[in-house]
Amino acid sequence: MRLTARQKEILRYLAQTPGVLSSSLLSEKFDVSVQTIRKDMNELSDKGLVRRVHGGISFPSDNDNLSFSNREVIHLTAKQKIAQRIVEDLPQGISIFLGIGTTPKQVAHALLDHPGLTVVTNNIHASLIMSRNPQINVYLAGGAVRSSDEDTVGESVTRFYRQFNIKIAVFGVGGLSQKGELLDFTPEEADLTQAMTAQSQTCWLIADQSKYQRYAPVVSGKLDAVERFYSDQHHADIADLCFKHQVNYIIS
């Protein structure tokens, strides 16, 4: 997805500012006319990256599961920080599941020079990235391809996962409830989360703080199935949840 430098900066500024950003405020911040900012806002809205509201923009509803290309540019810096911390903590010569989504894609980029890995994934982008290193063994699960998420899903993927005995599962979620429920958007996603947690000796959850209290309709597990929760910023409610469920809360 092609965005101008200013449009990328608008998204970063919006991520740091809760609620609605007005066109007049953005015009002042970027020292351009309101008409120019409105053009940027309309283009971002057309790409599904923001929602136009009266006089400004906000992020789309947390209930919306945006396409992969749209999600990829949102909270990008936070995802990259999480990915780098994962790489620092991951032992060499280990086997991992790598889940779907844009944060695991950033983990794949960060893992490119990690020696001796065996990676099992249904994340098409992650598999292509890591296949560039011949010292990484990559197994891509075959199934139905979701163009909006750029991954594979279905019973064949779940069966494929259940063949393995993996050291660490590294995965994200659609949302995290106040009760510590791991949430996904479809039953197929939930089945994969459950297969990863069942076939792994250790589970590492990766999610930026925007996932907390984000609604998704399918419960795929509980926080107490996870040993570590990697995030980008400290959040008091998440910290309390992790303490309650005996999960190591790690801020990148």
C-alpha atoms as a PDB file:
ATOM      1  CA  MET A   1       0.000   0.000   0.000  1.00  0.00           C
ATOM      2  CA  ARG A   2       1.536   3.304  -1.111  1.00  0.00           C
ATOM      3  CA  LEU A   3       1.293   6.163   1.348  1.00  0.00           C
ATOM      4  CA  THR A   4       3.015   9.503   1.279  1.00  0.00           C
ATOM      5  CA  ALA A   5       5.467  10.381   4.040  1.00  0.00           C
ATOM      6  CA  ARG A   6       2.931  12.803   5.520  1.00  0.00           C
ATOM      7  CA  GLN A   7       0.162  10.198   5.475  1.00  0.00           C
ATOM      8  CA  LYS A   8       2.403   7.781   7.371  1.00  0.00           C
ATOM      9  CA  GLU A   9       3.135  10.506   9.913  1.00  0.00           C
ATOM     10  CA  ILE A  10      -0.599  11.216  10.265  1.00  0.00           C
ATOM     11  CA  LEU A  11      -1.188   7.548  11.131  1.00  0.00           C
ATOM     12  CA  ARG A  12       1.640   7.577  13.689  1.00  0.00           C
ATOM     13  CA  TYR A  13       0.273  10.763  15.264  1.00  0.00           C
ATOM     14  CA  LEU A  14      -3.234   9.291  15.366  1.00  0.00           C
ATOM     15  CA  ALA A  15      -1.900   6.164  17.102  1.00  0.00           C
ATOM     16  CA  GLN A  16      -0.467   8.383  19.856  1.00  0.00           C
ATOM     17  CA  THR A  17      -3.611  10.491  20.239  1.00  0.00           C
ATOM     18  CA  PRO A  18      -6.780   8.872  21.604  1.00  0.00           C
ATOM     19  CA  GLY A  19     -10.056   9.757  19.931  1.00  0.00           C
ATOM     20  CA  VAL A  20     -10.467  12.103  16.960  1.00  0.00           C
ATOM     21  CA  LEU A  21      -7.863  14.259  15.235  1.00  0.00           C
ATOM     22  CA  SER A  22      -9.317  17.374  13.642  1.00  0.00           C
ATOM     23  CA  SER A  23      -8.325  18.611  10.204  1.00  0.00           C
ATOM     24  CA  SER A  24      -7.402  22.009  11.674  1.00  0.00           C
ATOM     25  CA  LEU A  25      -5.021  20.435  14.209  1.00  0.00           C
ATOM     26  CA  LEU A  26      -3.360  18.329  11.520  1.00  0.00           C
ATOM     27  CA  SER A  27      -3.099  21.359   9.266  1.00  0.00           C
ATOM     28  CA  GLU A  28      -1.194  23.232  11.982  1.00  0.00           C
ATOM     29  CA  LYS A  29       1.021  20.274  12.877  1.00  0.00           C
ATOM     30  CA  PHE A  30       2.133  19.608   9.303  1.00  0.00           C
ATOM     31  CA  ASP A  31       2.080  23.242   8.186  1.00  0.00           C
ATOM     32  CA  VAL A  32      -0.136  22.622   5.170  1.00  0.00           C
ATOM     33  CA  SER A  33      -3.572  23.851   4.188  1.00  0.00           C
ATOM     34  CA  VAL A  34      -6.754  22.302   5.558  1.00  0.00           C
ATOM     35  CA  GLN A  35      -7.654  21.339   1.985  1.00  0.00           C
ATOM     36  CA  THR A  36      -4.400  19.353   1.672  1.00  0.00           C
ATOM     37  CA  ILE A  37      -5.062  17.584   4.968  1.00  0.00           C
ATOM     38  CA  ARG A  38      -8.612  16.760   3.914  1.00  0.00           C
ATOM     39  CA  LYS A  39      -7.237  15.161   0.755  1.00  0.00           C
ATOM     40  CA  ASP A  40      -4.881  13.039   2.887  1.00  0.00           C
ATOM     41  CA  MET A  41      -7.726  12.079   5.220  1.00  0.00           C
ATOM     42  CA  ASN A  42      -9.953  11.073   2.321  1.00  0.00           C
ATOM     43  CA  GLU A  43      -7.218   8.904   0.796  1.00  0.00           C
ATOM     44  CA  LEU A  44      -6.509   7.220   4.139  1.00  0.00           C
ATOM     45  CA  SER A  45     -10.229   6.640   4.583  1.00  0.00           C
ATOM     46  CA  ASP A  46     -10.532   5.151   1.086  1.00  0.00           C
ATOM     47  CA  LYS A  47      -7.768   2.692   1.984  1.00  0.00           C
ATOM     48  CA  GLY A  48      -9.650   1.707   5.147  1.00  0.00           C
ATOM     49  CA  LEU A  49      -6.903   2.976   7.468  1.00  0.00           C
ATOM     50  CA  VAL A  50      -8.979   5.665   9.199  1.00  0.00           C
ATOM     51  CA  ARG A  51     -12.630   6.536   9.697  1.00  0.00           C
ATOM     52  CA  ARG A  52     -13.849   9.964   8.612  1.00  0.00           C
ATOM     53  CA  VAL A  53     -15.863  11.748  11.272  1.00  0.00           C
ATOM     54  CA  HIS A  54     -17.219  15.283  11.387  1.00  0.00           C
ATOM     55  CA  GLY A  55     -14.226  17.612  11.106  1.00  0.00           C
ATOM     56  CA  GLY A  56     -11.547  14.964  11.395  1.00  0.00           C
ATOM     57  CA  ILE A  57     -10.504  11.301  11.535  1.00  0.00           C
ATOM     58  CA  SER A  58     -10.243   8.436  13.997  1.00  0.00           C
ATOM     59  CA  PHE A  59      -9.109   4.853  13.712  1.00  0.00           C
ATOM     60  CA  PRO A  60     -11.799   2.405  12.564  1.00  0.00           C
ATOM     61  CA  SER A  61     -13.834   0.723  15.277  1.00  0.00           C
ATOM     62  CA  ASP A  62     -11.904  -1.771  17.376  1.00  0.00           C
ATOM     63  CA  ASN A  63     -14.576  -4.287  16.385  1.00  0.00           C
ATOM     64  CA  ASP A  64     -13.446  -4.173  12.759  1.00  0.00           C
ATOM     65  CA  ASN A  65     -10.911  -6.753  11.635  1.00  0.00           C
ATOM     66  CA  LEU A  66      -9.030  -4.772   8.993  1.00  0.00           C
ATOM     67  CA  SER A  67      -7.218  -6.337   6.064  1.00  0.00           C
ATOM     68  CA  PHE A  68      -3.578  -7.367   6.470  1.00  0.00           C
ATOM     69  CA  SER A  69      -2.217  -4.473   4.392  1.00  0.00           C
ATOM     70  CA  ASN A  70      -4.241  -1.973   6.415  1.00  0.00           C
ATOM     71  CA  ARG A  71      -3.213  -3.415   9.792  1.00  0.00           C
ATOM     72  CA  GLU A  72       0.420  -3.561   8.765  1.00  0.00           C
ATOM     73  CA  VAL A  73       0.985   0.199   8.962  1.00  0.00           C
ATOM     74  CA  ILE A  74      -0.924   0.700  12.228  1.00  0.00           C
ATOM     75  CA  HIS A  75       1.211   0.604  15.410  1.00  0.00           C
ATOM     76  CA  LEU A  76       4.171  -0.453  13.222  1.00  0.00           C
ATOM     77  CA  THR A  77       6.865   0.890  15.552  1.00  0.00           C
ATOM     78  CA  ALA A  78       5.329  -0.934  18.510  1.00  0.00           C
ATOM     79  CA  LYS A  79       5.239  -4.208  16.551  1.00  0.00           C
ATOM     80  CA  GLN A  80       8.876  -3.824  15.526  1.00  0.00           C
ATOM     81  CA  LYS A  81       9.915  -3.230  19.146  1.00  0.00           C
ATOM     82  CA  ILE A  82       8.060  -6.344  20.272  1.00  0.00           C
ATOM     83  CA  ALA A  83       9.666  -8.368  17.473  1.00  0.00           C
ATOM     84  CA  GLN A  84      13.164  -7.258  18.421  1.00  0.00           C
ATOM     85  CA  ARG A  85      12.634  -8.229  22.057  1.00  0.00           C
ATOM     86  CA  ILE A  86      11.348 -11.659  20.986  1.00  0.00           C
ATOM     87  CA  VAL A  87      14.547 -12.240  19.002  1.00  0.00           C
ATOM     88  CA  GLU A  88      16.713 -11.227  21.950  1.00  0.00           C
ATOM     89  CA  ASP A  89      14.972 -13.757  24.191  1.00  0.00           C
ATOM     90  CA  LEU A  90      14.662 -16.640  21.731  1.00  0.00           C
ATOM     91  CA  PRO A  91      17.358 -19.338  22.108  1.00  0.00           C
ATOM     92  CA  GLN A  92      19.347 -20.500  19.107  1.00  0.00           C
ATOM     93  CA  GLY A  93      18.585 -23.782  17.379  1.00  0.00           C
ATOM     94  CA  ILE A  94      14.997 -23.957  18.588  1.00  0.00           C
ATOM     95  CA  SER A  95      11.644 -24.868  17.044  1.00  0.00           C
ATOM     96  CA  ILE A  96       8.776 -22.387  17.022  1.00  0.00           C
ATOM     97  CA  PHE A  97       5.243 -21.963  15.850  1.00  0.00           C
ATOM     98  CA  LEU A  98       4.770 -18.486  14.373  1.00  0.00           C
ATOM     99  CA  GLY A  99       1.188 -17.280  14.262  1.00  0.00           C
ATOM    100  CA  ILE A 100      -0.789 -15.162  11.850  1.00  0.00           C
ATOM    101  CA  GLY A 101      -0.944 -11.396  11.675  1.00  0.00           C
ATOM    102  CA  THR A 102       1.245  -8.362  11.215  1.00  0.00           C
ATOM    103  CA  THR A 103       3.246  -8.554  14.463  1.00  0.00           C
ATOM    104  CA  PRO A 104       4.443 -12.116  13.678  1.00  0.00           C
ATOM    105  CA  LYS A 105       5.474 -10.806  10.256  1.00  0.00           C
ATOM    106  CA  GLN A 106       7.747  -8.301  12.021  1.00  0.00           C
ATOM    107  CA  VAL A 107       9.088 -11.168  14.150  1.00  0.00           C
ATOM    108  CA  ALA A 108       9.943 -13.036  10.938  1.00  0.00           C
ATOM    109  CA  HIS A 109      11.948 -10.036   9.686  1.00  0.00           C
ATOM    110  CA  ALA A 110      13.802  -9.839  12.991  1.00  0.00           C
ATOM    111  CA  LEU A 111      14.535 -13.592  12.989  1.00  0.00           C
ATOM    112  CA  LEU A 112      16.203 -13.663   9.578  1.00  0.00           C
ATOM    113  CA  ASP A 113      19.707 -13.952  11.025  1.00  0.00           C
ATOM    114  CA  HIS A 114      18.748 -16.198  13.953  1.00  0.00           C
ATOM    115  CA  PRO A 115      20.712 -19.453  13.517  1.00  0.00           C
ATOM    116  CA  GLY A 116      19.337 -22.979  13.514  1.00  0.00           C
ATOM    117  CA  LEU A 117      15.618 -22.274  13.640  1.00  0.00           C
ATOM    118  CA  THR A 118      12.793 -24.610  12.712  1.00  0.00           C
ATOM    119  CA  VAL A 119       9.630 -22.619  12.016  1.00  0.00           C
ATOM    120  CA  VAL A 120       6.107 -23.972  11.519  1.00  0.00           C
ATOM    121  CA  THR A 121       3.593 -21.388  10.347  1.00  0.00           C
ATOM    122  CA  ASN A 122       0.496 -20.633   8.305  1.00  0.00           C
ATOM    123  CA  ASN A 123       1.607 -17.014   7.899  1.00  0.00           C
ATOM    124  CA  ILE A 124       2.437 -16.749   4.191  1.00  0.00           C
ATOM    125  CA  HIS A 125       4.485 -13.545   4.551  1.00  0.00           C
ATOM    126  CA  ALA A 126       6.507 -14.931   7.456  1.00  0.00           C
ATOM    127  CA  SER A 127       7.340 -18.125   5.571  1.00  0.00           C
ATOM    128  CA  LEU A 128       8.529 -16.220   2.497  1.00  0.00           C
ATOM    129  CA  ILE A 129      10.647 -13.856   4.585  1.00  0.00           C
ATOM    130  CA  MET A 130      12.404 -16.601   6.551  1.00  0.00           C
ATOM    131  CA  SER A 131      12.891 -18.855   3.521  1.00  0.00           C
ATOM    132  CA  ARG A 132      15.531 -16.350   2.378  1.00  0.00           C
ATOM    133  CA  ASN A 133      17.865 -17.859   4.991  1.00  0.00           C
ATOM    134  CA  PRO A 134      18.774 -21.449   4.001  1.00  0.00           C
ATOM    135  CA  GLN A 135      19.760 -22.176   7.619  1.00  0.00           C
ATOM    136  CA  ILE A 136      16.139 -21.754   8.750  1.00  0.00           C
ATOM    137  CA  ASN A 137      13.868 -24.764   8.219  1.00  0.00           C
ATOM    138  CA  VAL A 138      10.423 -23.419   7.320  1.00  0.00           C
ATOM    139  CA  TYR A 139       7.238 -25.493   7.167  1.00  0.00           C
ATOM    140  CA  LEU A 140       4.225 -23.703   5.670  1.00  0.00           C
ATOM    141  CA  ALA A 141       0.851 -25.285   6.410  1.00  0.00           C
ATOM    142  CA  GLY A 142      -1.342 -25.764   3.349  1.00  0.00           C
ATOM    143  CA  GLY A 143      -5.017 -24.836   3.470  1.00  0.00           C
ATOM    144  CA  ALA A 144      -7.546 -22.306   2.291  1.00  0.00           C
ATOM    145  CA  VAL A 145      -5.832 -18.979   1.514  1.00  0.00           C
ATOM    146  CA  ARG A 146      -7.438 -15.862   3.002  1.00  0.00           C
ATOM    147  CA  SER A 147      -6.586 -12.949   0.751  1.00  0.00           C
ATOM    148  CA  SER A 148      -7.546 -10.387   3.412  1.00  0.00           C
ATOM    149  CA  ASP A 149      -5.177 -11.932   5.985  1.00  0.00           C
ATOM    150  CA  GLU A 150      -2.574 -13.507   3.680  1.00  0.00           C
ATOM    151  CA  ASP A 151      -2.498 -16.780   5.566  1.00  0.00           C
ATOM    152  CA  THR A 152      -3.888 -20.316   5.341  1.00  0.00           C
ATOM    153  CA  VAL A 153      -6.667 -21.727   7.507  1.00  0.00           C
ATOM    154  CA  GLY A 154      -8.889 -24.778   7.811  1.00  0.00           C
ATOM    155  CA  GLU A 155      -8.883 -28.293   9.199  1.00  0.00           C
ATOM    156  CA  SER A 156      -5.873 -29.288   7.081  1.00  0.00           C
ATOM    157  CA  VAL A 157      -3.795 -26.561   8.765  1.00  0.00           C
ATOM    158  CA  THR A 158      -4.904 -27.648  12.231  1.00  0.00           C
ATOM    159  CA  ARG A 159      -4.055 -31.300  11.443  1.00  0.00           C
ATOM    160  CA  PHE A 160      -0.665 -30.210  10.114  1.00  0.00           C
ATOM    161  CA  TYR A 161       0.093 -28.371  13.360  1.00  0.00           C
ATOM    162  CA  ARG A 162      -0.810 -31.401  15.469  1.00  0.00           C
ATOM    163  CA  GLN A 163       2.041 -33.411  13.900  1.00  0.00           C
ATOM    164  CA  PHE A 164       4.659 -31.299  15.672  1.00  0.00           C
ATOM    165  CA  ASN A 165       6.245 -31.115  19.105  1.00  0.00           C
ATOM    166  CA  ILE A 166       7.372 -27.481  19.275  1.00  0.00           C
ATOM    167  CA  LYS A 167       9.441 -25.724  21.917  1.00  0.00           C
ATOM    168  CA  ILE A 168       7.850 -22.244  21.757  1.00  0.00           C
ATOM    169  CA  ALA A 169       4.666 -20.927  20.174  1.00  0.00           C
ATOM    170  CA  VAL A 170       4.849 -17.222  19.286  1.00  0.00           C
ATOM    171  CA  PHE A 171       1.440 -15.866  18.370  1.00  0.00           C
ATOM    172  CA  GLY A 172      -0.952 -12.938  18.620  1.00  0.00           C
ATOM    173  CA  VAL A 173      -4.671 -12.653  19.199  1.00  0.00           C
ATOM    174  CA  GLY A 174      -7.569 -10.625  17.864  1.00  0.00           C
ATOM    175  CA  GLY A 175      -8.290  -9.297  21.341  1.00  0.00           C
ATOM    176  CA  LEU A 176      -7.817  -9.798  25.072  1.00  0.00           C
ATOM    177  CA  SER A 177     -10.845  -9.527  27.345  1.00  0.00           C
ATOM    178  CA  GLN A 178     -10.995  -8.097  30.863  1.00  0.00           C
ATOM    179  CA  LYS A 179     -11.384 -11.673  32.126  1.00  0.00           C
ATOM    180  CA  GLY A 180      -8.168 -12.803  30.484  1.00  0.00           C
ATOM    181  CA  GLU A 181      -9.807 -14.535  27.528  1.00  0.00           C
ATOM    182  CA  LEU A 182      -7.807 -14.834  24.311  1.00  0.00           C
ATOM    183  CA  LEU A 183     -10.118 -13.784  21.477  1.00  0.00           C
ATOM    184  CA  ASP A 184     -10.079 -14.457  17.744  1.00  0.00           C
ATOM    185  CA  PHE A 185     -12.348 -13.424  14.882  1.00  0.00           C
ATOM    186  CA  THR A 186     -13.205 -16.857  13.447  1.00  0.00           C
ATOM    187  CA  PRO A 187     -13.492 -20.451  14.716  1.00  0.00           C
ATOM    188  CA  GLU A 188     -10.686 -21.413  12.299  1.00  0.00           C
ATOM    189  CA  GLU A 189      -8.323 -18.908  13.942  1.00  0.00           C
ATOM    190  CA  ALA A 190      -9.313 -20.177  17.386  1.00  0.00           C
ATOM    191  CA  ASP A 191      -8.652 -23.796  16.336  1.00  0.00           C
ATOM    192  CA  LEU A 192      -5.128 -22.824  15.266  1.00  0.00           C
ATOM    193  CA  THR A 193      -4.444 -20.975  18.509  1.00  0.00           C
ATOM    194  CA  GLN A 194      -5.583 -24.039  20.451  1.00  0.00           C
ATOM    195  CA  ALA A 195      -3.446 -26.364  18.315  1.00  0.00           C
ATOM    196  CA  MET A 196      -0.363 -24.199  18.866  1.00  0.00           C
ATOM    197  CA  THR A 197      -0.840 -24.073  22.627  1.00  0.00           C
ATOM    198  CA  ALA A 198      -1.486 -27.835  22.784  1.00  0.00           C
ATOM    199  CA  GLN A 199       1.568 -28.794  20.719  1.00  0.00           C
ATOM    200  CA  SER A 200       4.058 -26.387  22.339  1.00  0.00           C
ATOM    201  CA  GLN A 201       6.082 -26.673  25.518  1.00  0.00           C
ATOM    202  CA  THR A 202       5.945 -22.896  26.069  1.00  0.00           C
ATOM    203  CA  CYS A 203       3.669 -20.152  24.706  1.00  0.00           C
ATOM    204  CA  TRP A 204       4.613 -16.515  24.157  1.00  0.00           C
ATOM    205  CA  LEU A 205       1.789 -14.095  23.417  1.00  0.00           C
ATOM    206  CA  ILE A 206       2.670 -10.971  21.427  1.00  0.00           C
ATOM    207  CA  ALA A 207       0.297  -8.008  21.271  1.00  0.00           C
ATOM    208  CA  ASP A 208       0.446  -4.251  21.443  1.00  0.00           C
ATOM    209  CA  GLN A 209      -1.753  -2.649  24.088  1.00  0.00           C
ATOM    210  CA  SER A 210      -4.485  -1.802  21.560  1.00  0.00           C
ATOM    211  CA  LYS A 211      -5.619  -5.445  21.725  1.00  0.00           C
ATOM    212  CA  TYR A 212      -6.775  -5.074  25.343  1.00  0.00           C
ATOM    213  CA  GLN A 213     -10.586  -4.999  25.510  1.00  0.00           C
ATOM    214  CA  ARG A 214     -10.767  -5.194  21.725  1.00  0.00           C
ATOM    215  CA  TYR A 215     -13.825  -7.223  20.817  1.00  0.00           C
ATOM    216  CA  ALA A 216     -13.583 -10.442  18.816  1.00  0.00           C
ATOM    217  CA  PRO A 217     -16.387 -13.031  18.909  1.00  0.00           C
ATOM    218  CA  VAL A 218     -14.551 -16.349  19.437  1.00  0.00           C
ATOM    219  CA  VAL A 219     -12.813 -17.418  22.653  1.00  0.00           C
ATOM    220  CA  SER A 220      -9.666 -19.358  21.743  1.00  0.00           C
ATOM    221  CA  GLY A 221      -8.151 -19.817  25.193  1.00  0.00           C
ATOM    222  CA  LYS A 222      -7.211 -18.289  28.504  1.00  0.00           C
ATOM    223  CA  LEU A 223      -4.278 -16.117  29.458  1.00  0.00           C
ATOM    224  CA  ASP A 224      -3.058 -18.775  31.891  1.00  0.00           C
ATOM    225  CA  ALA A 225      -2.085 -20.942  28.878  1.00  0.00           C
ATOM    226  CA  VAL A 226       0.669 -18.384  28.207  1.00  0.00           C
ATOM    227  CA  GLU A 227       4.034 -18.142  29.973  1.00  0.00           C
ATOM    228  CA  ARG A 228       5.049 -14.727  28.614  1.00  0.00           C
ATOM    229  CA  PHE A 229       3.135 -11.729  27.290  1.00  0.00           C
ATOM    230  CA  TYR A 230       5.212  -9.343  25.163  1.00  0.00           C
ATOM    231  CA  SER A 231       3.812  -5.845  24.615  1.00  0.00           C
ATOM    232  CA  ASP A 232       4.967  -2.392  23.652  1.00  0.00           C
ATOM    233  CA  GLN A 233       3.881  -0.278  26.645  1.00  0.00           C
ATOM    234  CA  HIS A 234       2.987  -0.939  30.256  1.00  0.00           C
ATOM    235  CA  HIS A 235      -0.759  -1.083  30.862  1.00  0.00           C
ATOM    236  CA  ALA A 236      -1.883  -1.339  34.495  1.00  0.00           C
ATOM    237  CA  ASP A 237      -4.938  -3.500  33.775  1.00  0.00           C
ATOM    238  CA  ILE A 238      -2.933  -5.909  31.612  1.00  0.00           C
ATOM    239  CA  ALA A 239      -0.261  -6.083  34.302  1.00  0.00           C
ATOM    240  CA  ASP A 240      -2.929  -7.013  36.874  1.00  0.00           C
ATOM    241  CA  LEU A 241      -4.312  -9.695  34.561  1.00  0.00           C
ATOM    242  CA  CYS A 242      -0.849 -11.151  34.010  1.00  0.00           C
ATOM    243  CA  PHE A 243      -0.159 -11.187  37.746  1.00  0.00           C
ATOM    244  CA  LYS A 244      -3.466 -12.944  38.390  1.00  0.00           C
ATOM    245  CA  HIS A 245      -2.762 -15.589  35.730  1.00  0.00           C
ATOM    246  CA  GLN A 246       0.954 -15.930  36.643  1.00  0.00           C
ATOM    247  CA  VAL A 247       2.161 -14.663  33.275  1.00  0.00           C
ATOM    248  CA  ASN A 248       5.474 -12.856  32.837  1.00  0.00           C
ATOM    249  CA  TYR A 249       4.583  -9.410  31.419  1.00  0.00           C
ATOM    250  CA  ILE A 250       7.465  -8.142  29.284  1.00  0.00           C
ATOM    251  CA  ILE A 251       7.619  -4.610  27.879  1.00  0.00           C
ATOM    252  CA  SER A 252       9.786  -4.191  24.798  1.00  0.00           C
END
